[in-house]
Amino acid sequence: MDQPSEADAVYIISVAAEIVGMHPQTLRVYERKGLVEPYRTPGGTRRYSQEDLDRLFLIQDMSNEGVNIEGIKRVLKLRAENERLRAQVDRLRRLLEDAEVRRGTTINTTFIAAKKKRPLPDIRRDV
């Protein structure tokens, strides 16, 4: 999980808690459990970003559906891994497209030909 920047983290804990409809102590518990990691000012004050709030809404939804803290952790970890893999696939697709454009250079044309025979499947799925 990326640490939000100071510019992104604008909500103090009481405001964040009110926005997501949780008690501030719940936000502290979620932080201790590693579910959310708000920005900390030099004085130690928690500041929440919109990304943090979106994550808290997701946590709240899963909790309301009966998912326990460990299950929520696992789901969040899998979502992060999925995002990382999607970004990697997108990057590899761009590299292959760039290689096709430069077909006449020193690019391994065997690899490009293999791509022509079996294009990468579109793995994007609506969740």
C-alpha atoms as a PDB file:
ATOM      1  CA  MET A   1       0.000   0.000   0.000  1.00  0.00           C
ATOM      2  CA  ASP A   2       1.421   3.379  -0.998  1.00  0.00           C
ATOM      3  CA  GLN A   3       1.692   6.047   1.661  1.00  0.00           C
ATOM      4  CA  PRO A   4      -0.452   9.061   0.689  1.00  0.00           C
ATOM      5  CA  SER A   5       1.367  12.341   0.321  1.00  0.00           C
ATOM      6  CA  GLU A   6       0.825  15.318   2.574  1.00  0.00           C
ATOM      7  CA  ALA A   7      -0.982  17.125  -0.256  1.00  0.00           C
ATOM      8  CA  ASP A   8      -3.418  14.237  -0.730  1.00  0.00           C
ATOM      9  CA  ALA A   9      -4.083  13.630   2.958  1.00  0.00           C
ATOM     10  CA  VAL A  10      -6.376  16.421   4.055  1.00  0.00           C
ATOM     11  CA  TYR A  11      -8.928  14.855   6.421  1.00  0.00           C
ATOM     12  CA  ILE A  12      -8.234  14.643  10.140  1.00  0.00           C
ATOM     13  CA  ILE A  13      -9.435  11.473  11.852  1.00  0.00           C
ATOM     14  CA  SER A  14     -12.689  12.934  13.188  1.00  0.00           C
ATOM     15  CA  VAL A  15     -13.693  14.246   9.755  1.00  0.00           C
ATOM     16  CA  ALA A  16     -12.659  11.025   8.011  1.00  0.00           C
ATOM     17  CA  ALA A  17     -14.620   8.979  10.552  1.00  0.00           C
ATOM     18  CA  GLU A  18     -17.710  11.131  10.045  1.00  0.00           C
ATOM     19  CA  ILE A  19     -17.486  10.891   6.253  1.00  0.00           C
ATOM     20  CA  VAL A  20     -17.269   7.084   6.266  1.00  0.00           C
ATOM     21  CA  GLY A  21     -19.719   6.673   9.142  1.00  0.00           C
ATOM     22  CA  MET A  22     -17.328   5.008  11.567  1.00  0.00           C
ATOM     23  CA  HIS A  23     -16.094   5.822  15.028  1.00  0.00           C
ATOM     24  CA  PRO A  24     -12.567   7.335  15.127  1.00  0.00           C
ATOM     25  CA  GLN A  25     -11.492   4.424  17.334  1.00  0.00           C
ATOM     26  CA  THR A  26     -12.475   2.025  14.532  1.00  0.00           C
ATOM     27  CA  LEU A  27     -10.126   3.874  12.188  1.00  0.00           C
ATOM     28  CA  ARG A  28      -7.345   3.520  14.766  1.00  0.00           C
ATOM     29  CA  VAL A  29      -8.036  -0.226  15.045  1.00  0.00           C
ATOM     30  CA  TYR A  30      -7.969  -0.600  11.256  1.00  0.00           C
ATOM     31  CA  GLU A  31      -4.637   1.217  11.196  1.00  0.00           C
ATOM     32  CA  ARG A  32      -3.203  -1.090  13.895  1.00  0.00           C
ATOM     33  CA  LYS A  33      -4.438  -4.111  11.938  1.00  0.00           C
ATOM     34  CA  GLY A  34      -2.716  -2.827   8.791  1.00  0.00           C
ATOM     35  CA  LEU A  35      -5.882  -2.217   6.781  1.00  0.00           C
ATOM     36  CA  VAL A  36      -5.262   1.486   6.266  1.00  0.00           C
ATOM     37  CA  GLU A  37      -2.140   3.608   6.566  1.00  0.00           C
ATOM     38  CA  PRO A  38      -2.948   7.317   6.836  1.00  0.00           C
ATOM     39  CA  TYR A  39      -0.337   9.992   6.370  1.00  0.00           C
ATOM     40  CA  ARG A  40       1.261  11.167   9.607  1.00  0.00           C
ATOM     41  CA  THR A  41       2.210  14.801  10.073  1.00  0.00           C
ATOM     42  CA  PRO A  42       5.564  15.546  11.719  1.00  0.00           C
ATOM     43  CA  GLY A  43       3.586  15.959  14.959  1.00  0.00           C
ATOM     44  CA  GLY A  44       2.031  12.496  14.539  1.00  0.00           C
ATOM     45  CA  THR A  45      -1.488  13.587  13.583  1.00  0.00           C
ATOM     46  CA  ARG A  46      -3.275  11.209  11.219  1.00  0.00           C
ATOM     47  CA  ARG A  47      -4.420  12.661   7.907  1.00  0.00           C
ATOM     48  CA  TYR A  48      -6.604  10.682   5.520  1.00  0.00           C
ATOM     49  CA  SER A  49      -6.734  11.030   1.737  1.00  0.00           C
ATOM     50  CA  GLN A  50      -9.669  10.339  -0.569  1.00  0.00           C
ATOM     51  CA  GLU A  51      -7.953   7.061  -1.433  1.00  0.00           C
ATOM     52  CA  ASP A  52      -7.939   6.175   2.284  1.00  0.00           C
ATOM     53  CA  LEU A  53     -11.642   7.022   2.511  1.00  0.00           C
ATOM     54  CA  ASP A  54     -12.427   4.858  -0.515  1.00  0.00           C
ATOM     55  CA  ARG A  55     -10.506   2.012   1.105  1.00  0.00           C
ATOM     56  CA  LEU A  56     -12.436   2.516   4.360  1.00  0.00           C
ATOM     57  CA  PHE A  57     -15.750   2.381   2.467  1.00  0.00           C
ATOM     58  CA  LEU A  58     -14.630  -0.889   0.873  1.00  0.00           C
ATOM     59  CA  ILE A  59     -13.604  -2.274   4.275  1.00  0.00           C
ATOM     60  CA  GLN A  60     -16.953  -1.215   5.691  1.00  0.00           C
ATOM     61  CA  ASP A  61     -18.830  -2.923   2.854  1.00  0.00           C
ATOM     62  CA  MET A  62     -16.915  -6.171   3.347  1.00  0.00           C
ATOM     63  CA  SER A  63     -17.401  -6.015   7.103  1.00  0.00           C
ATOM     64  CA  ASN A  64     -21.150  -5.466   6.652  1.00  0.00           C
ATOM     65  CA  GLU A  65     -21.212  -8.545   4.403  1.00  0.00           C
ATOM     66  CA  GLY A  66     -19.719 -10.609   7.237  1.00  0.00           C
ATOM     67  CA  VAL A  67     -16.063 -10.734   6.167  1.00  0.00           C
ATOM     68  CA  ASN A  68     -13.749 -10.743   9.190  1.00  0.00           C
ATOM     69  CA  ILE A  69     -10.569  -8.649   9.536  1.00  0.00           C
ATOM     70  CA  GLU A  70      -8.280 -11.423   8.276  1.00  0.00           C
ATOM     71  CA  GLY A  71     -10.536 -11.966   5.277  1.00  0.00           C
ATOM     72  CA  ILE A  72     -10.545  -8.243   4.541  1.00  0.00           C
ATOM     73  CA  LYS A  73      -6.734  -8.196   4.736  1.00  0.00           C
ATOM     74  CA  ARG A  74      -6.574 -11.062   2.255  1.00  0.00           C
ATOM     75  CA  VAL A  75      -9.025  -9.423  -0.148  1.00  0.00           C
ATOM     76  CA  LEU A  76      -7.100  -6.129  -0.023  1.00  0.00           C
ATOM     77  CA  LYS A  77      -3.811  -7.949  -0.609  1.00  0.00           C
ATOM     78  CA  LEU A  78      -5.271  -9.817  -3.590  1.00  0.00           C
ATOM     79  CA  ARG A  79      -6.705  -6.592  -5.026  1.00  0.00           C
ATOM     80  CA  ALA A  80      -3.296  -4.917  -4.769  1.00  0.00           C
ATOM     81  CA  GLU A  81      -1.640  -7.910  -6.448  1.00  0.00           C
ATOM     82  CA  ASN A  82      -4.270  -7.843  -9.188  1.00  0.00           C
ATOM     83  CA  GLU A  83      -3.618  -4.138  -9.814  1.00  0.00           C
ATOM     84  CA  ARG A  84       0.137  -4.776  -9.925  1.00  0.00           C
ATOM     85  CA  LEU A  85      -0.274  -7.623 -12.422  1.00  0.00           C
ATOM     86  CA  ARG A  86      -2.644  -5.605 -14.608  1.00  0.00           C
ATOM     87  CA  ALA A  87      -0.106  -2.774 -14.735  1.00  0.00           C
ATOM     88  CA  GLN A  88       2.606  -5.282 -15.656  1.00  0.00           C
ATOM     89  CA  VAL A  89       0.483  -6.773 -18.452  1.00  0.00           C
ATOM     90  CA  ASP A  90      -0.291  -3.268 -19.770  1.00  0.00           C
ATOM     91  CA  ARG A  91       3.426  -2.441 -19.741  1.00  0.00           C
ATOM     92  CA  LEU A  92       4.296  -5.672 -21.582  1.00  0.00           C
ATOM     93  CA  ARG A  93       1.573  -4.991 -24.165  1.00  0.00           C
ATOM     94  CA  ARG A  94       3.042  -1.528 -24.780  1.00  0.00           C
ATOM     95  CA  LEU A  95       6.524  -3.014 -25.164  1.00  0.00           C
ATOM     96  CA  LEU A  96       5.240  -5.532 -27.707  1.00  0.00           C
ATOM     97  CA  GLU A  97       3.426  -2.808 -29.625  1.00  0.00           C
ATOM     98  CA  ASP A  98       6.603  -0.699 -29.650  1.00  0.00           C
ATOM     99  CA  ALA A  99       8.576  -3.704 -30.893  1.00  0.00           C
ATOM    100  CA  GLU A 100       6.129  -4.179 -33.755  1.00  0.00           C
ATOM    101  CA  VAL A 101       6.560  -0.557 -34.774  1.00  0.00           C
ATOM    102  CA  ARG A 102      10.349  -1.009 -34.885  1.00  0.00           C
ATOM    103  CA  ARG A 103      10.174  -4.340 -36.694  1.00  0.00           C
ATOM    104  CA  GLY A 104      13.149  -3.542 -38.953  1.00  0.00           C
ATOM    105  CA  THR A 105      15.587  -2.941 -36.070  1.00  0.00           C
ATOM    106  CA  THR A 106      17.489  -5.364 -33.856  1.00  0.00           C
ATOM    107  CA  ILE A 107      14.346  -6.528 -32.067  1.00  0.00           C
ATOM    108  CA  ASN A 108      14.003 -10.326 -31.833  1.00  0.00           C
ATOM    109  CA  THR A 109      11.656 -10.909 -34.774  1.00  0.00           C
ATOM    110  CA  THR A 110      11.044 -14.527 -33.735  1.00  0.00           C
ATOM    111  CA  PHE A 111       9.397 -13.244 -30.591  1.00  0.00           C
ATOM    112  CA  ILE A 112       7.342 -10.763 -32.586  1.00  0.00           C
ATOM    113  CA  ALA A 113       6.301 -13.494 -35.048  1.00  0.00           C
ATOM    114  CA  ALA A 114       5.212 -15.686 -32.145  1.00  0.00           C
ATOM    115  CA  LYS A 115       3.037 -12.838 -30.928  1.00  0.00           C
ATOM    116  CA  LYS A 116       1.416 -12.636 -34.360  1.00  0.00           C
ATOM    117  CA  LYS A 117       0.491 -16.317 -34.182  1.00  0.00           C
ATOM    118  CA  ARG A 118      -0.898 -16.173 -30.632  1.00  0.00           C
ATOM    119  CA  PRO A 119      -1.914 -12.696 -29.516  1.00  0.00           C
ATOM    120  CA  LEU A 120      -2.211 -12.118 -25.809  1.00  0.00           C
ATOM    121  CA  PRO A 121      -5.762 -12.662 -24.629  1.00  0.00           C
ATOM    122  CA  ASP A 122      -7.656  -9.765 -23.195  1.00  0.00           C
ATOM    123  CA  ILE A 123      -7.749 -10.617 -19.487  1.00  0.00           C
ATOM    124  CA  ARG A 124      -9.642  -7.595 -18.283  1.00  0.00           C
ATOM    125  CA  ARG A 125     -12.748  -8.632 -16.460  1.00  0.00           C
ATOM    126  CA  ASP A 126     -15.380  -6.491 -14.850  1.00  0.00           C
ATOM    127  CA  VAL A 127     -15.522  -7.281 -11.155  1.00  0.00           C
END
